Structures are given as structure tokens and as C-alpha cells.
């Protein structure tokens, strides 16, 4: 995960990032927060099927609030539960309000 975070931090002009199906889990997403939040040009992020759970959804909420250019987010097939979903909805709502 450290290698991926380092690579992302060196490529801040990325506009689309697909990390679906890598089973990152909450811990993996936590490790990526610093790098992904620096991707200011990112418009599309796919984190489907990553065993995200509630912990990962909270990490995603942090990431989403930092990505003001984000227009597409996929978190399909993750068992985030009601708490995780609430966190994600709050983050996306903030992003949508700021972007309008």
C-alpha cells in the first residue's frame, strides 16, 4: 500500500482512478488518504469491491471532502453499513453543495 501511495503522490494530475476489486479494506484506504487527497484534478474515483466496511467508509468520507473536482464516485459492493453510509452521504452532500 505504501508503494501505491507514493506513486499517487508523484502523479497529482491524475483525473481518473480505478482501484476496484483490490480488497483494500478500511486499513488500506486509511493508508491512501494522504496521497489521494492530493489528487486535485481527480474527477472520477472507483473504489468498488474493496471490503470497505464502516471504517473504510469513514476514510472515504475524508477523501471525498478534499476532492473538490470529483464528479463520479463508485463504492459499489462494499459493506459499509448504515454508519458508513451516513458518513459517505454527508461527505458527498458537502461536495455537491460546494460545487454548485
C-alpha atoms as a PDB file:
ATOM      1  CA  UNK A   1       0.000   0.000   0.000  1.00  0.00           C
ATOM      2  CA  UNK A   2       2.890   2.331   0.729  1.00  0.00           C
ATOM      3  CA  UNK A   3       4.181   1.918  -2.828  1.00  0.00           C
ATOM      4  CA  UNK A   4       0.808   2.843  -4.290  1.00  0.00           C
ATOM      5  CA  UNK A   5       0.507   5.870  -2.021  1.00  0.00           C
ATOM      6  CA  UNK A   6       3.974   7.027  -3.083  1.00  0.00           C
ATOM      7  CA  UNK A   7       3.181   6.560  -6.780  1.00  0.00           C
ATOM      8  CA  UNK A   8      -0.054   8.525  -6.444  1.00  0.00           C
ATOM      9  CA  UNK A   9       1.698  11.363  -4.642  1.00  0.00           C
ATOM     10  CA  UNK A  10       4.055  11.703  -7.630  1.00  0.00           C
ATOM     11  CA  UNK A  11       1.218  11.808 -10.189  1.00  0.00           C
ATOM     12  CA  UNK A  12      -1.058  14.566  -8.957  1.00  0.00           C
ATOM     13  CA  UNK A  13      -2.507  15.280 -12.430  1.00  0.00           C
ATOM     14  CA  UNK A  14      -4.497  12.005 -12.491  1.00  0.00           C
ATOM     15  CA  UNK A  15      -8.139  12.608 -13.448  1.00  0.00           C
ATOM     16  CA  UNK A  16      -9.490   9.057 -13.121  1.00  0.00           C
ATOM     17  CA  UNK A  17      -8.512   6.388 -10.615  1.00  0.00           C
ATOM     18  CA  UNK A  18      -9.898   2.834 -10.603  1.00  0.00           C
ATOM     19  CA  UNK A  19      -8.949   0.745  -7.590  1.00  0.00           C
ATOM     20  CA  UNK A  20     -11.944  -1.587  -7.625  1.00  0.00           C
ATOM     21  CA  UNK A  21     -11.596  -5.201  -6.610  1.00  0.00           C
ATOM     22  CA  UNK A  22      -8.329  -4.847  -4.694  1.00  0.00           C
ATOM     23  CA  UNK A  23      -9.779  -5.661  -1.265  1.00  0.00           C
ATOM     24  CA  UNK A  24      -8.137  -2.584   0.265  1.00  0.00           C
ATOM     25  CA  UNK A  25     -10.349  -2.635   3.339  1.00  0.00           C
ATOM     26  CA  UNK A  26     -10.518   0.190   5.843  1.00  0.00           C
ATOM     27  CA  UNK A  27      -6.845  -0.073   6.701  1.00  0.00           C
ATOM     28  CA  UNK A  28      -5.779   0.200   3.072  1.00  0.00           C
ATOM     29  CA  UNK A  29      -7.997   3.226   2.491  1.00  0.00           C
ATOM     30  CA  UNK A  30      -6.582   4.876   5.604  1.00  0.00           C
ATOM     31  CA  UNK A  31      -3.097   4.396   4.144  1.00  0.00           C
ATOM     32  CA  UNK A  32      -4.153   6.082   0.892  1.00  0.00           C
ATOM     33  CA  UNK A  33      -5.852   9.160   2.397  1.00  0.00           C
ATOM     34  CA  UNK A  34      -2.789  11.402   2.250  1.00  0.00           C
ATOM     35  CA  UNK A  35      -1.950  10.564  -1.348  1.00  0.00           C
ATOM     36  CA  UNK A  36      -5.461  10.539  -2.792  1.00  0.00           C
ATOM     37  CA  UNK A  37      -6.432  13.866  -1.215  1.00  0.00           C
ATOM     38  CA  UNK A  38      -3.563  15.485  -3.134  1.00  0.00           C
ATOM     39  CA  UNK A  39      -5.079  14.459  -6.481  1.00  0.00           C
ATOM     40  CA  UNK A  40      -6.739  17.824  -7.045  1.00  0.00           C
ATOM     41  CA  UNK A  41      -7.559  17.079 -10.720  1.00  0.00           C
ATOM     42  CA  UNK A  42      -9.345  13.804  -9.876  1.00  0.00           C
ATOM     43  CA  UNK A  43     -12.857  13.747 -11.338  1.00  0.00           C
ATOM     44  CA  UNK A  44     -13.619  10.007 -11.154  1.00  0.00           C
ATOM     45  CA  UNK A  45     -12.841   7.552  -8.355  1.00  0.00           C
ATOM     46  CA  UNK A  46     -13.859   3.881  -8.327  1.00  0.00           C
ATOM     47  CA  UNK A  47     -13.365   2.006  -5.072  1.00  0.00           C
ATOM     48  CA  UNK A  48     -15.941  -0.732  -5.616  1.00  0.00           C
ATOM     49  CA  UNK A  49     -15.466  -4.212  -4.137  1.00  0.00           C
ATOM     50  CA  UNK A  50     -12.800  -3.276  -1.624  1.00  0.00           C
ATOM     51  CA  UNK A  51     -14.226  -4.727   1.617  1.00  0.00           C
ATOM     52  CA  UNK A  52     -14.528  -1.158   2.794  1.00  0.00           C
ATOM     53  CA  UNK A  53     -16.840  -1.695   5.804  1.00  0.00           C
ATOM     54  CA  UNK A  54     -17.690   1.251   8.112  1.00  0.00           C
ATOM     55  CA  UNK A  55     -14.046   2.101   8.860  1.00  0.00           C
ATOM     56  CA  UNK A  56     -13.276   2.391   5.163  1.00  0.00           C
ATOM     57  CA  UNK A  57     -16.380   4.494   4.570  1.00  0.00           C
ATOM     58  CA  UNK A  58     -15.161   6.956   7.188  1.00  0.00           C
ATOM     59  CA  UNK A  59     -11.795   7.142   5.406  1.00  0.00           C
ATOM     60  CA  UNK A  60     -13.639   7.656   2.113  1.00  0.00           C
ATOM     61  CA  UNK A  61     -15.636  10.495   3.654  1.00  0.00           C
ATOM     62  CA  UNK A  62     -12.370  12.268   4.491  1.00  0.00           C
ATOM     63  CA  UNK A  63     -11.059  11.701   0.971  1.00  0.00           C
ATOM     64  CA  UNK A  64     -14.257  12.886  -0.728  1.00  0.00           C
ATOM     65  CA  UNK A  65     -14.439  16.164   1.189  1.00  0.00           C
ATOM     66  CA  UNK A  66     -10.928  17.041  -0.026  1.00  0.00           C
ATOM     67  CA  UNK A  67     -11.565  16.266  -3.704  1.00  0.00           C
ATOM     68  CA  UNK A  68     -13.453  19.332  -4.891  1.00  0.00           C
ATOM     69  CA  UNK A  69     -13.211  18.371  -8.584  1.00  0.00           C
ATOM     70  CA  UNK A  70     -14.685  14.878  -8.011  1.00  0.00           C
ATOM     71  CA  UNK A  71     -17.780  14.258 -10.146  1.00  0.00           C
ATOM     72  CA  UNK A  72     -18.063  10.457 -10.071  1.00  0.00           C
ATOM     73  CA  UNK A  73     -17.615   8.143  -7.097  1.00  0.00           C
ATOM     74  CA  UNK A  74     -18.242   4.405  -7.062  1.00  0.00           C
ATOM     75  CA  UNK A  75     -18.249   2.463  -3.816  1.00  0.00           C
ATOM     76  CA  UNK A  76     -20.391  -0.424  -5.067  1.00  0.00           C
ATOM     77  CA  UNK A  77     -20.194  -3.833  -3.416  1.00  0.00           C
ATOM     78  CA  UNK A  78     -18.769  -2.641  -0.109  1.00  0.00           C
ATOM     79  CA  UNK A  79     -20.462  -3.500   3.177  1.00  0.00           C
ATOM     80  CA  UNK A  80     -20.282  -0.029   4.705  1.00  0.00           C
ATOM     81  CA  UNK A  81     -23.356  -0.422   6.920  1.00  0.00           C
ATOM     82  CA  UNK A  82     -25.669   2.385   7.990  1.00  0.00           C
ATOM     83  CA  UNK A  83     -22.989   4.347   9.883  1.00  0.00           C
ATOM     84  CA  UNK A  84     -20.583   4.223   6.956  1.00  0.00           C
ATOM     85  CA  UNK A  85     -23.319   5.156   4.511  1.00  0.00           C
ATOM     86  CA  UNK A  86     -24.301   8.126   6.673  1.00  0.00           C
ATOM     87  CA  UNK A  87     -20.681   9.353   6.683  1.00  0.00           C
ATOM     88  CA  UNK A  88     -20.409   8.983   2.902  1.00  0.00           C
ATOM     89  CA  UNK A  89     -23.707  10.746   2.257  1.00  0.00           C
ATOM     90  CA  UNK A  90     -22.616  13.621   4.477  1.00  0.00           C
ATOM     91  CA  UNK A  91     -19.330  13.960   2.594  1.00  0.00           C
ATOM     92  CA  UNK A  92     -20.944  13.785  -0.846  1.00  0.00           C
ATOM     93  CA  UNK A  93     -23.587  16.302   0.204  1.00  0.00           C
ATOM     94  CA  UNK A  94     -20.870  18.747   1.300  1.00  0.00           C
ATOM     95  CA  UNK A  95     -19.082  18.249  -2.000  1.00  0.00           C
ATOM     96  CA  UNK A  96     -22.261  18.767  -4.003  1.00  0.00           C
ATOM     97  CA  UNK A  97     -23.169  21.954  -2.132  1.00  0.00           C
ATOM     98  CA  UNK A  98     -19.668  23.401  -2.549  1.00  0.00           C
ATOM     99  CA  UNK A  99     -19.604  22.502  -6.226  1.00  0.00           C
ATOM    100  CA  UNK A 100     -22.837  24.258  -7.164  1.00  0.00           C
END
